[in-house]
């Protein structure tokens, strides 16, 4: 017996389910019909038909194409009907079409096996090396077995189709989830660093990337710089962070110049095209993907993904990577715009918060913490200026709102209040009432709270000073006395600005002695959601008392750190004045 690899698999029992089923059909045909050899031959068999584990006549076995039964299968498939030959010597038409091992076959009876589309896909046949008279019963048995074999073939095809549909649906569902993740992931990205971190997280969880880098194009368009090297191996060289756009040796520069993707199955494929790379990065042997980040036709940067292992990029992964690049570009464009607005807002805020004056015998310091992270400016303000009579005018206020609109209103109120304080030698209540009327009269119509105050000159060098203030709905001043005690300046709190401009306003007085520290603040320092404002003010008094040993210049920042949560939800302004 000549044994082929398929024969060996049969004889040792190492069969797949398909092979077992086909061998069962062939064995039934062989035993029921009484032929020495039977087989099921399909056109899809790359290694030929499954041969029985029995001795074959001389010349029938073949380990290479054409295989036993190939000629007969082609004849049956071409005709689409059974082919029955008692002796091929009597049928010249069939004999002429035989080749390979089939030239040694004398008798043959074969019935077509149909696929899921009812098209002939193969043959179930019996063969003999002697002339064979096939009986009607033989042919009925073969017809029934071929029908059963066809049914099994169709069933398996349907199962395979169902599995493929399930696989496609699973991949599509995964792709849909990833695309949904992408659409949601960048919603909260505010800064460029946020964009880089989110892109890295999505690339890792959604695409399996090991390393991710976001390189941002410089303002002049001549260079790229990775926002952080955290997404690369720890030993990556420092110079790798920067790249000139006209560098012909780096894939990053090529993507920026051509605005096209680069996909490499592994590092060798990349180095075959770009010889120059970081030794540390080159040690990662896996795939690479570099995507241009383009928004509104403008190149913003390049996103780099690196995998540990080689990988082939199919259409679905390409779609997800394209979506990742698109969302990253949009988020990067938005972050860049917000950064520009933030810069403008900071300049606006700086222009509104004048430098604090220098006053002999008085120390002054301040802090401003905005609530609007995206614009870094709001409606709170403070101010201090020395009047012609030598008094120190102090002002702090909070216009309703936490954005540029509130800042614009605040700027106008602040300018008017500063002018009124300079031009009118009147008590704070008069200045505040004048501001309220002007706010309505010029149709500014801002609403908010404010304190206007006056610190008189000392009667003698290093002496005490009278402090007079008027409040329009503003939180009360707090004094840290020289002996470490804290005093809340409780007094009548008049109506806030912008409600009833002709309301009567009152003045209040106290004396600040050498070493006393006055704290003026806005409600962002003490207000908490779901809590009475008084509780926040009491907390301020406790914290202020604990900070007595601190250097004076550190007090505003320490107060904010001690009282405001990590995420500032309201603008906070603090103005601190120490006598002596």
Protein backbone atom coordinates (compact mmCIF):
# COMPACT_ATOMS: atom_id res chain seq x y z
CA UNK A 1 0.00 0.00 0.00
CA UNK A 2 1.25 3.46 -0.90
CA UNK A 3 0.35 5.86 1.95
CA UNK A 4 -0.28 9.56 1.33
CA UNK A 5 -0.35 12.15 4.14
CA UNK A 6 -4.17 12.10 4.03
CA UNK A 7 -4.13 8.30 4.13
CA UNK A 8 -1.86 8.39 7.13
CA UNK A 9 -4.22 10.73 8.92
CA UNK A 10 -7.07 8.30 8.33
CA UNK A 11 -5.20 5.24 9.43
CA UNK A 12 -3.98 6.86 12.65
CA UNK A 13 -7.37 8.35 13.47
CA UNK A 14 -6.12 11.97 13.37
CA UNK A 15 -9.22 13.28 11.58
CA UNK A 16 -11.13 16.48 11.69
CA UNK A 17 -14.92 16.25 12.02
CA UNK A 18 -15.26 16.94 8.29
CA UNK A 19 -12.88 14.13 7.44
CA UNK A 20 -14.68 11.70 9.73
CA UNK A 21 -18.01 12.49 8.13
CA UNK A 22 -16.71 12.14 4.60
CA UNK A 23 -14.95 8.87 5.47
CA UNK A 24 -18.23 7.59 6.90
CA UNK A 25 -20.04 8.30 3.62
CA UNK A 26 -17.24 6.73 1.61
CA UNK A 27 -17.16 3.64 3.83
CA UNK A 28 -20.92 3.17 3.52
CA UNK A 29 -20.66 3.44 -0.25
CA UNK A 30 -17.79 0.96 -0.37
CA UNK A 31 -19.46 -1.65 1.83
CA UNK A 32 -23.00 -1.30 0.44
CA UNK A 33 -21.94 -1.39 -3.20
CA UNK A 34 -19.06 -3.80 -2.86
CA UNK A 35 -16.44 -1.70 -4.61
CA UNK A 36 -12.78 -1.87 -3.55
CA UNK A 37 -12.37 1.92 -3.34
CA UNK A 38 -14.75 4.77 -2.59
CA UNK A 39 -14.18 8.43 -1.86
CA UNK A 40 -15.73 11.86 -1.57
CA UNK A 41 -13.84 14.35 -3.72
CA UNK A 42 -14.57 18.08 -3.44
CA UNK A 43 -13.23 20.78 -5.72
CA UNK A 44 -12.21 22.74 -2.60
CA UNK A 45 -9.76 20.04 -1.44
CA UNK A 46 -6.25 21.49 -1.84
CA UNK A 47 -4.64 18.20 -0.81
CA UNK A 48 -6.83 15.88 -2.79
CA UNK A 49 -9.62 13.59 -1.59
CA UNK A 50 -9.60 11.69 1.67
CA UNK A 51 -8.36 8.20 0.78
CA UNK A 52 -9.47 5.08 2.62
CA UNK A 53 -7.12 3.38 5.02
CA UNK A 54 -6.98 0.25 2.84
CA UNK A 55 -4.62 -1.05 0.21
CA UNK A 56 -4.96 0.73 -3.13
CA UNK A 57 -4.31 -0.83 -6.50
CA UNK A 58 -0.92 -0.10 -8.02
CA UNK A 59 -0.62 3.45 -9.38
CA UNK A 60 -3.78 4.75 -7.72
CA UNK A 61 -2.17 6.71 -4.86
CA UNK A 62 -0.71 10.15 -5.54
CA UNK A 63 0.75 12.73 -3.17
CA UNK A 64 0.57 15.51 -5.74
CA UNK A 65 -2.07 16.71 -8.17
CA UNK A 66 -3.73 15.27 -10.10
CA UNK A 67 -5.13 13.09 -7.32
CA UNK A 68 -7.20 9.96 -7.48
CA UNK A 69 -10.75 10.82 -8.55
CA UNK A 70 -9.92 14.30 -9.86
CA UNK A 71 -10.77 13.43 -13.47
CA UNK A 72 -14.06 11.77 -12.56
CA UNK A 73 -14.99 14.66 -10.26
CA UNK A 74 -14.43 17.16 -13.06
CA UNK A 75 -16.58 15.09 -15.42
CA UNK A 76 -19.43 14.75 -12.90
CA UNK A 77 -19.30 18.42 -11.85
CA UNK A 78 -19.26 19.55 -15.48
CA UNK A 79 -22.26 17.40 -16.39
CA UNK A 80 -24.11 17.95 -13.11
CA UNK A 81 -25.52 14.43 -13.38
CA UNK A 82 -24.38 10.97 -12.30
CA UNK A 83 -21.70 9.26 -14.39
CA UNK A 84 -21.69 5.46 -14.43
CA UNK A 85 -19.04 3.55 -16.38
CA UNK A 86 -18.79 -0.27 -16.38
CA UNK A 87 -15.48 -0.22 -18.24
CA UNK A 88 -13.74 2.95 -19.36
CA UNK A 89 -12.42 1.05 -22.36
CA UNK A 90 -16.00 1.05 -23.64
CA UNK A 91 -16.44 4.83 -23.16
CA UNK A 92 -13.85 6.76 -25.22
CA UNK A 93 -15.34 10.13 -24.16
CA UNK A 94 -14.60 9.43 -20.52
CA UNK A 95 -11.30 7.71 -21.16
CA UNK A 96 -9.88 10.71 -23.04
CA UNK A 97 -10.46 12.93 -20.00
CA UNK A 98 -8.67 10.74 -17.50
CA UNK A 99 -5.22 11.65 -16.22
CA UNK A 100 -2.93 10.84 -13.34
CA UNK A 101 -4.03 7.95 -11.10
CA UNK A 102 -7.43 7.88 -12.79
CA UNK A 103 -5.83 6.37 -15.90
CA UNK A 104 -5.56 3.10 -13.94
CA UNK A 105 -9.25 3.03 -12.97
CA UNK A 106 -11.41 0.61 -14.98
CA UNK A 107 -14.93 1.04 -13.56
CA UNK A 108 -16.54 4.10 -11.98
CA UNK A 109 -19.90 5.23 -10.59
CA UNK A 110 -20.22 8.74 -9.24
CA UNK A 111 -23.02 11.05 -8.10
CA UNK A 112 -22.66 14.80 -7.73
CA UNK A 113 -22.45 16.38 -4.26
CA UNK A 114 -24.15 19.78 -4.17
CA UNK A 115 -23.20 22.83 -2.14
CA UNK A 116 -25.43 25.33 -0.31
CA UNK A 117 -26.33 26.96 -3.64
CA UNK A 118 -27.33 23.55 -5.09
CA UNK A 119 -24.37 23.75 -7.45
CA UNK A 120 -22.24 20.61 -8.07
CA UNK A 121 -19.23 20.91 -5.76
CA UNK A 122 -17.80 17.42 -5.85
CA UNK A 123 -18.54 13.76 -6.23
CA UNK A 124 -19.28 10.70 -4.11
CA UNK A 125 -17.99 7.77 -6.11
CA UNK A 126 -16.88 4.16 -6.13
CA UNK A 127 -14.02 2.85 -8.27
CA UNK A 128 -12.81 -0.56 -9.37
CA UNK A 129 -9.72 -1.84 -11.12
CA UNK A 130 -11.87 -4.42 -12.88
CA UNK A 131 -14.99 -4.03 -15.05
CA UNK A 132 -18.00 -3.70 -12.72
CA UNK A 133 -21.68 -4.10 -13.48
CA UNK A 134 -23.36 -1.51 -11.24
CA UNK A 135 -26.84 -2.64 -10.25
CA UNK A 136 -29.91 -0.45 -9.80
CA UNK A 137 -29.63 -1.02 -6.07
CA UNK A 138 -25.99 0.11 -6.17
CA UNK A 139 -26.95 3.29 -7.93
CA UNK A 140 -29.86 3.99 -5.55
CA UNK A 141 -27.52 3.59 -2.59
CA UNK A 142 -24.99 5.95 -4.15
CA UNK A 143 -27.71 8.49 -4.98
CA UNK A 144 -29.01 8.44 -1.39
CA UNK A 145 -25.52 8.74 0.09
CA UNK A 146 -24.68 11.61 -2.26
CA UNK A 147 -27.87 13.38 -1.18
CA UNK A 148 -26.98 12.88 2.49
CA UNK A 149 -23.45 14.08 1.82
CA UNK A 150 -24.83 17.15 0.05
CA UNK A 151 -27.13 17.87 2.99
CA UNK A 152 -24.22 17.60 5.39
CA UNK A 153 -22.11 19.85 3.19
CA UNK A 154 -24.89 22.45 3.09
CA UNK A 155 -25.37 22.20 6.85
CA UNK A 156 -21.70 22.79 7.47
CA UNK A 157 -21.68 25.67 5.00
CA UNK A 158 -24.63 27.25 6.82
CA UNK A 159 -22.86 26.79 10.14
CA UNK A 160 -19.72 28.34 8.71
CA UNK A 161 -21.76 31.19 7.29
CA UNK A 162 -23.48 31.70 10.64
CA UNK A 163 -20.12 31.75 12.41
CA UNK A 164 -18.80 34.26 9.90
CA UNK A 165 -21.87 36.45 10.36
CA UNK A 166 -21.41 36.23 14.11
CA UNK A 167 -17.74 37.11 13.74
CA UNK A 168 -18.55 40.09 11.53
CA UNK A 169 -21.30 41.21 13.88
CA UNK A 170 -18.98 40.86 16.86
CA UNK A 171 -16.32 42.89 15.11
CA UNK A 172 -18.89 45.44 13.99
CA UNK A 173 -20.27 45.68 17.51
CA UNK A 174 -16.76 46.09 18.88
CA UNK A 175 -16.04 48.72 16.26
CA UNK A 176 -19.29 50.52 17.10
CA UNK A 177 -18.43 50.46 20.81
CA UNK A 178 -14.97 51.79 20.10
CA UNK A 179 -16.33 54.55 17.89
CA UNK A 180 -18.83 55.45 20.62
CA UNK A 181 -15.99 55.41 23.13
CA UNK A 182 -14.04 57.74 20.88
CA UNK A 183 -16.93 60.15 20.49
CA UNK A 184 -17.37 60.33 24.27
CA UNK A 185 -13.74 60.11 25.34
CA UNK A 186 -12.63 63.50 24.07
CA UNK A 187 -15.72 65.39 25.26
CA UNK A 188 -13.99 66.59 28.43
CA UNK A 189 -10.58 67.25 26.87
CA UNK A 190 -9.67 70.86 27.58
CA UNK A 191 -5.90 71.06 27.30
CA UNK A 192 -3.43 69.57 24.85
CA UNK A 193 -2.15 67.32 27.64
CA UNK A 194 -5.73 66.10 28.14
CA UNK A 195 -5.92 65.21 24.46
CA UNK A 196 -2.62 63.31 24.58
CA UNK A 197 -3.65 61.32 27.66
CA UNK A 198 -7.07 60.43 26.28
CA UNK A 199 -5.65 59.41 22.90
CA UNK A 200 -3.16 57.16 24.67
CA UNK A 201 -5.84 55.59 26.85
CA UNK A 202 -8.16 54.91 23.90
CA UNK A 203 -5.34 53.52 21.76
CA UNK A 204 -4.35 51.16 24.57
CA UNK A 205 -7.80 49.91 25.53
CA UNK A 206 -9.38 49.97 22.08
CA UNK A 207 -6.52 49.10 19.74
CA UNK A 208 -4.08 47.31 22.01
CA UNK A 209 -1.25 49.76 21.38
CA UNK A 210 1.62 49.69 23.87
CA UNK A 211 2.94 53.20 23.31
CA UNK A 212 1.27 56.38 22.10
CA UNK A 213 2.74 59.77 21.30
CA UNK A 214 1.09 63.05 20.31
CA UNK A 215 3.43 65.35 18.41
CA UNK A 216 2.16 68.91 18.01
CA UNK A 217 3.18 71.16 15.12
CA UNK A 218 4.97 74.37 16.11
CA UNK A 219 3.36 77.74 15.42
CA UNK A 220 5.74 78.40 12.52
CA UNK A 221 5.07 74.94 11.06
CA UNK A 222 8.74 73.95 10.92
CA UNK A 223 8.93 71.38 13.71
CA UNK A 224 7.02 68.81 15.73
CA UNK A 225 7.30 68.13 19.43
CA UNK A 226 5.84 65.26 21.42
CA UNK A 227 3.77 66.72 24.24
CA UNK A 228 5.17 64.13 26.63
CA UNK A 229 7.60 61.24 26.54
CA UNK A 230 5.57 59.28 29.10
CA UNK A 231 4.00 57.31 26.26
CA UNK A 232 7.37 55.90 25.15
CA UNK A 233 9.91 53.57 26.77
CA UNK A 234 11.54 55.06 29.83
CA UNK A 235 15.02 55.02 28.30
CA UNK A 236 14.08 56.81 25.07
CA UNK A 237 16.58 59.47 24.09
CA UNK A 238 15.66 63.08 24.87
CA UNK A 239 16.33 64.30 21.34
CA UNK A 240 13.57 62.01 20.08
CA UNK A 241 10.97 64.42 21.47
CA UNK A 242 11.62 67.00 18.75
CA UNK A 243 11.58 66.59 14.98
CA UNK A 244 12.07 69.00 12.09
CA UNK A 245 9.34 68.73 9.48
CA UNK A 246 11.92 68.67 6.67
CA UNK A 247 13.86 65.76 8.22
CA UNK A 248 13.96 63.14 5.43
CA UNK A 249 14.90 60.29 7.77
CA UNK A 250 12.03 60.25 10.26
CA UNK A 251 8.56 58.82 9.57
CA UNK A 252 7.06 61.52 11.78
CA UNK A 253 8.33 64.26 9.48
CA UNK A 254 7.21 62.36 6.37
CA UNK A 255 3.63 62.16 7.68
CA UNK A 256 3.65 65.88 8.49
CA UNK A 257 4.94 66.79 5.02
CA UNK A 258 2.70 64.49 3.01
CA UNK A 259 -0.33 64.47 5.33
CA UNK A 260 -0.70 60.73 4.71
CA UNK A 261 -0.81 57.75 7.05
CA UNK A 262 2.13 55.41 7.49
CA UNK A 263 1.44 51.82 8.56
CA UNK A 264 4.25 49.34 9.25
CA UNK A 265 3.70 45.70 10.11
CA UNK A 266 6.84 45.66 12.25
CA UNK A 267 9.97 47.65 12.98
CA UNK A 268 11.91 45.96 10.17
CA UNK A 269 9.40 47.17 7.60
CA UNK A 270 9.75 50.70 8.97
CA UNK A 271 13.55 50.60 9.01
CA UNK A 272 13.63 49.32 5.46
CA UNK A 273 12.17 52.68 4.47
CA UNK A 274 13.46 54.98 7.21
CA UNK A 275 16.93 54.07 8.40
CA UNK A 276 17.19 56.68 11.13
CA UNK A 277 15.34 55.92 14.36
CA UNK A 278 15.77 55.94 18.11
CA UNK A 279 17.61 52.81 19.32
CA UNK A 280 15.24 52.60 22.29
CA UNK A 281 12.17 52.86 20.10
CA UNK A 282 13.65 50.43 17.56
CA UNK A 283 13.91 47.76 20.26
CA UNK A 284 10.12 47.55 20.19
CA UNK A 285 9.67 45.05 17.39
CA UNK A 286 5.95 45.49 16.79
CA UNK A 287 3.79 47.41 14.36
CA UNK A 288 3.65 51.19 13.91
CA UNK A 289 0.92 53.55 12.81
CA UNK A 290 1.48 57.27 12.25
CA UNK A 291 -1.53 59.44 11.45
CA UNK A 292 -1.66 63.12 10.47
CA UNK A 293 -3.98 65.19 12.64
CA UNK A 294 -5.85 67.54 10.33
CA UNK A 295 -8.73 69.83 11.25
CA UNK A 296 -10.40 72.24 8.84
CA UNK A 297 -7.65 71.52 6.34
CA UNK A 298 -4.88 72.52 8.74
CA UNK A 299 -2.20 70.13 9.99
CA UNK A 300 -2.05 70.24 13.79
CA UNK A 301 0.27 67.35 14.56
CA UNK A 302 0.91 63.63 14.21
CA UNK A 303 -0.34 60.74 16.35
CA UNK A 304 2.02 57.76 16.73
CA UNK A 305 0.91 54.29 17.87
CA UNK A 306 3.35 51.46 18.61
CA UNK A 307 2.52 47.80 19.34
CA UNK A 308 4.66 45.17 21.05
CA UNK A 309 4.09 42.60 18.30
CA UNK A 310 3.80 42.67 14.51
CA UNK A 311 0.27 43.04 13.15
CA UNK A 312 -1.53 43.35 9.87
CA UNK A 313 -3.86 46.32 9.46
CA UNK A 314 -7.28 45.27 8.19
CA UNK A 315 -10.07 47.56 7.01
CA UNK A 316 -11.80 47.64 10.40
CA UNK A 317 -8.69 48.57 12.35
CA UNK A 318 -7.93 51.18 9.69
CA UNK A 319 -11.41 52.64 10.20
CA UNK A 320 -10.93 52.83 13.96
CA UNK A 321 -7.49 54.38 13.61
CA UNK A 322 -8.85 56.93 11.17
CA UNK A 323 -11.63 57.75 13.64
CA UNK A 324 -9.10 58.04 16.46
CA UNK A 325 -7.04 60.40 14.34
CA UNK A 326 -10.11 62.45 13.44
CA UNK A 327 -11.37 62.79 17.01
CA UNK A 328 -7.86 63.54 18.25
CA UNK A 329 -7.46 66.28 15.63
CA UNK A 330 -10.79 67.85 16.56
CA UNK A 331 -9.99 67.73 20.26
CA UNK A 332 -6.51 69.13 19.62
CA UNK A 333 -7.97 71.97 17.56
CA UNK A 334 -10.46 72.69 20.34
CA UNK A 335 -7.75 72.59 23.00
CA UNK A 336 -5.57 74.92 20.97
CA UNK A 337 -8.45 77.36 20.57
CA UNK A 338 -9.18 77.19 24.28
CA UNK A 339 -5.52 77.82 25.03
CA UNK A 340 -5.62 80.91 22.83
CA UNK A 341 -8.77 82.12 24.58
CA UNK A 342 -7.16 81.37 27.91
CA UNK A 343 -4.17 83.49 26.97
CA UNK A 344 -6.43 86.36 25.94
CA UNK A 345 -8.47 85.95 29.11
CA UNK A 346 -5.38 86.03 31.27
CA UNK A 347 -4.23 89.23 29.63
CA UNK A 348 -7.72 90.66 30.14
CA UNK A 349 -7.74 89.62 33.77
CA UNK A 350 -4.25 91.00 34.32
CA UNK A 351 -5.30 94.32 32.83
CA UNK A 352 -8.25 94.45 35.20
CA UNK A 353 -6.28 93.56 38.32
CA UNK A 354 -3.99 96.54 38.70
CA UNK A 355 -0.70 96.16 40.57
CA UNK A 356 -1.17 96.69 44.26
CA UNK A 357 0.19 100.01 45.56
CA UNK A 358 3.07 100.41 47.96
CA UNK A 359 1.97 102.10 51.19
CA UNK A 360 4.28 102.96 54.05
CA UNK A 361 3.29 101.08 57.17
CA UNK A 362 0.94 98.73 55.31
CA UNK A 363 1.52 95.37 53.59
CA UNK A 364 -0.84 94.28 50.81
CA UNK A 365 -1.05 90.96 48.95
CA UNK A 366 -3.70 89.10 46.98
CA UNK A 367 -4.69 86.07 44.92
CA UNK A 368 -7.24 85.33 42.22
CA UNK A 369 -8.42 81.78 41.35
CA UNK A 370 -10.88 81.55 38.43
CA UNK A 371 -13.65 78.99 38.22
CA UNK A 372 -13.81 78.76 34.43
CA UNK A 373 -10.91 76.48 33.59
CA UNK A 374 -11.38 77.03 29.89
CA UNK A 375 -11.15 80.80 30.03
CA UNK A 376 -9.27 81.36 33.28
CA UNK A 377 -11.18 84.58 34.00
CA UNK A 378 -14.39 85.49 35.77
CA UNK A 379 -16.43 88.15 37.50
CA UNK A 380 -14.51 88.51 40.78
CA UNK A 381 -12.10 91.37 41.33
CA UNK A 382 -10.14 93.28 43.92
CA UNK A 383 -8.49 96.68 43.82
CA UNK A 384 -6.50 99.04 45.99
CA UNK A 385 -5.32 102.59 45.39
CA UNK A 386 -3.90 105.45 47.43
CA UNK A 387 -6.17 108.49 47.47
CA UNK A 388 -5.04 112.12 47.42
CA UNK A 389 -5.69 112.47 51.17
CA UNK A 390 -3.32 109.58 51.89
CA UNK A 391 -6.06 107.05 52.65
CA UNK A 392 -5.94 103.58 51.13
CA UNK A 393 -9.09 102.65 49.19
CA UNK A 394 -9.82 98.91 49.18
CA UNK A 395 -12.40 97.25 46.95
CA UNK A 396 -13.49 93.70 46.29
CA UNK A 397 -16.48 92.46 44.33
CA UNK A 398 -18.20 89.56 42.62
CA UNK A 399 -20.22 90.08 39.43
CA UNK A 400 -22.68 87.29 38.70
CA UNK A 401 -21.18 84.78 36.22
CA UNK A 402 -17.95 82.87 35.66
CA UNK A 403 -16.94 83.63 32.08
CA UNK A 404 -15.74 86.34 29.73
CA UNK A 405 -19.13 88.05 29.77
CA UNK A 406 -18.95 88.36 33.55
CA UNK A 407 -15.38 89.58 33.25
CA UNK A 408 -16.43 92.30 30.81
CA UNK A 409 -19.12 93.56 33.19
CA UNK A 410 -16.71 93.33 36.07
CA UNK A 411 -14.16 95.40 34.20
CA UNK A 412 -16.63 98.22 33.65
CA UNK A 413 -17.88 98.19 37.25
CA UNK A 414 -14.34 98.11 38.58
CA UNK A 415 -13.27 101.04 36.40
CA UNK A 416 -16.26 103.13 37.49
CA UNK A 417 -15.72 102.30 41.16
CA UNK A 418 -12.03 103.14 40.94
CA UNK A 419 -12.82 106.48 39.30
CA UNK A 420 -15.53 107.34 41.83
CA UNK A 421 -13.24 106.51 44.76
CA UNK A 422 -10.52 108.77 43.35
CA UNK A 423 -12.76 111.70 42.43
CA UNK A 424 -15.03 111.84 45.47
CA UNK A 425 -13.69 112.43 48.96
CA UNK A 426 -16.68 110.68 50.48
CA UNK A 427 -17.25 107.66 52.73
CA UNK A 428 -17.49 104.15 51.20
CA UNK A 429 -21.30 104.07 51.42
CA UNK A 430 -21.54 107.14 49.18
CA UNK A 431 -19.11 105.66 46.63
CA UNK A 432 -20.99 102.35 46.57
CA UNK A 433 -24.37 104.06 46.15
CA UNK A 434 -22.96 106.16 43.31
CA UNK A 435 -21.73 102.99 41.61
CA UNK A 436 -25.12 101.32 41.94
CA UNK A 437 -26.92 104.28 40.36
CA UNK A 438 -24.37 104.55 37.55
CA UNK A 439 -24.68 100.82 36.88
CA UNK A 440 -28.36 101.34 36.09
CA UNK A 441 -27.99 104.77 34.54
CA UNK A 442 -25.52 103.73 31.86
CA UNK A 443 -27.55 100.53 31.24
CA UNK A 444 -24.74 98.27 32.35
CA UNK A 445 -27.24 96.52 34.62
CA UNK A 446 -24.73 94.16 36.16
CA UNK A 447 -25.65 92.31 39.34
CA UNK A 448 -23.26 91.29 42.06
CA UNK A 449 -21.84 92.00 45.50
CA UNK A 450 -19.05 94.33 46.60
CA UNK A 451 -17.26 95.91 49.54
CA UNK A 452 -15.80 99.39 49.29
CA UNK A 453 -13.52 100.38 52.17
CA UNK A 454 -11.11 103.04 53.32
CA UNK A 455 -8.06 102.60 55.55
CA UNK A 456 -7.11 105.97 57.02
CA UNK A 457 -3.52 107.08 57.57
CA UNK A 458 -2.08 106.35 61.02
CA UNK A 459 -2.15 109.12 63.58
CA UNK A 460 1.54 108.50 64.13
CA UNK A 461 4.17 106.35 62.38
CA UNK A 462 3.50 102.69 63.09
CA UNK A 463 0.24 103.51 64.82
CA UNK A 464 -3.31 102.23 64.53
CA UNK A 465 -5.58 103.02 61.58
CA UNK A 466 -9.32 103.46 61.26
CA UNK A 467 -10.98 101.05 58.81
CA UNK A 468 -14.35 102.05 57.30
CA UNK A 469 -16.36 99.88 54.95
CA UNK A 470 -19.73 99.51 53.25
CA UNK A 471 -21.05 96.21 51.93
CA UNK A 472 -23.46 95.51 49.07
CA UNK A 473 -24.50 91.95 49.93
CA UNK A 474 -20.88 90.82 50.24
CA UNK A 475 -19.42 88.33 52.75
CA UNK A 476 -18.11 90.17 55.85
CA UNK A 477 -14.43 91.10 56.37
CA UNK A 478 -12.35 89.04 58.78
CA UNK A 479 -9.48 90.34 60.94
CA UNK A 480 -6.62 88.25 62.30
CA UNK A 481 -5.50 90.24 65.32
CA UNK A 482 -1.89 90.55 66.29
CA UNK A 483 -2.45 88.26 69.28
CA UNK A 484 -3.69 85.44 67.00
CA UNK A 485 -7.40 85.83 67.65
CA UNK A 486 -9.79 86.06 64.72
CA UNK A 487 -12.59 88.61 64.58
CA UNK A 488 -15.47 88.48 62.13
CA UNK A 489 -16.59 92.03 61.36
CA UNK A 490 -20.31 91.48 61.69
CA UNK A 491 -22.36 94.44 60.51
CA UNK A 492 -25.44 95.31 58.50
CA UNK A 493 -25.18 93.94 54.98
CA UNK A 494 -26.94 96.17 52.47
CA UNK A 495 -28.65 95.07 49.24
CA UNK A 496 -26.48 93.74 46.43
CA UNK A 497 -25.72 95.83 43.35
CA UNK A 498 -28.08 96.00 40.39
CA UNK A 499 -31.34 95.39 42.28
CA UNK A 500 -32.57 98.69 43.76
CA UNK A 501 -30.12 101.48 42.88
CA UNK A 502 -31.55 104.11 45.25
CA UNK A 503 -31.38 101.91 48.35
CA UNK A 504 -29.77 103.55 51.39
CA UNK A 505 -26.28 102.29 52.23
CA UNK A 506 -24.43 102.38 55.53
CA UNK A 507 -20.85 102.65 56.74
CA UNK A 508 -19.18 100.57 59.45
CA UNK A 509 -15.95 101.20 61.35
CA UNK A 510 -13.28 99.36 63.31
CA UNK A 511 -9.67 100.01 64.25
CA UNK A 512 -6.75 98.00 62.94
CA UNK A 513 -3.77 98.00 65.27
CA UNK A 514 -0.17 97.25 64.32
CA UNK A 515 0.14 93.56 63.47
CA UNK A 516 -3.56 93.17 62.64
CA UNK A 517 -4.36 91.48 59.31
CA UNK A 518 -7.52 92.28 57.34
CA UNK A 519 -8.92 89.68 54.92
CA UNK A 520 -11.38 90.64 52.19
CA UNK A 521 -12.64 87.78 49.99
CA UNK A 522 -15.34 86.67 47.59
CA UNK A 523 -17.82 83.89 48.27
CA UNK A 524 -15.86 81.34 46.23
CA UNK A 525 -13.56 81.01 49.25
CA UNK A 526 -16.32 79.99 51.66
CA UNK A 527 -19.39 78.87 49.72
CA UNK A 528 -20.17 75.15 49.35
CA UNK A 529 -23.09 73.46 47.65
CA UNK A 530 -25.73 72.38 50.16
CA UNK A 531 -24.14 74.32 53.02
CA UNK A 532 -25.11 77.59 54.68
CA UNK A 533 -22.73 80.44 53.88
CA UNK A 534 -22.26 81.12 57.59
CA UNK A 535 -20.70 77.70 58.05
CA UNK A 536 -18.15 78.48 55.37
CA UNK A 537 -17.32 81.83 57.00
CA UNK A 538 -16.82 80.11 60.36
CA UNK A 539 -14.51 77.64 58.65
CA UNK A 540 -12.55 80.57 57.20
CA UNK A 541 -12.09 82.00 60.70
CA UNK A 542 -10.72 78.68 61.98
CA UNK A 543 -8.34 78.23 59.06
CA UNK A 544 -7.15 81.84 59.26
CA UNK A 545 -6.34 81.40 62.93
CA UNK A 546 -4.28 78.31 62.18
CA UNK A 547 -2.28 80.22 59.56
CA UNK A 548 -1.17 83.00 61.91
CA UNK A 549 2.47 81.83 62.01
CA UNK A 550 2.81 81.91 58.21
CA UNK A 551 4.70 84.69 56.43
CA UNK A 552 2.31 87.42 55.36
CA UNK A 553 2.85 86.94 51.62
CA UNK A 554 1.84 83.28 51.87
CA UNK A 555 -1.54 83.89 53.48
CA UNK A 556 -3.76 84.28 50.35
CA UNK A 557 -2.49 81.10 48.73
CA UNK A 558 -2.67 79.18 51.99
CA UNK A 559 -6.27 80.28 52.51
CA UNK A 560 -7.27 79.07 49.06
CA UNK A 561 -5.46 75.77 49.57
CA UNK A 562 -7.04 75.27 52.95
CA UNK A 563 -10.60 76.19 52.02
CA UNK A 564 -11.15 75.50 48.34
CA UNK A 565 -11.47 71.97 46.95
CA UNK A 566 -9.11 70.75 44.24
CA UNK A 567 -11.61 71.72 41.53
CA UNK A 568 -12.52 75.39 41.87
CA UNK A 569 -16.27 75.69 41.25
CA UNK A 570 -16.50 79.46 41.77
CA UNK A 571 -14.20 82.40 41.18
CA UNK A 572 -12.20 83.26 44.28
CA UNK A 573 -10.51 86.58 45.03
CA UNK A 574 -8.66 87.32 48.27
CA UNK A 575 -7.19 90.68 49.31
CA UNK A 576 -5.10 90.73 52.49
CA UNK A 577 -3.86 93.89 54.27
CA UNK A 578 -1.61 94.04 57.34
CA UNK A 579 -1.04 97.17 59.42
CA UNK A 580 2.42 97.93 60.78
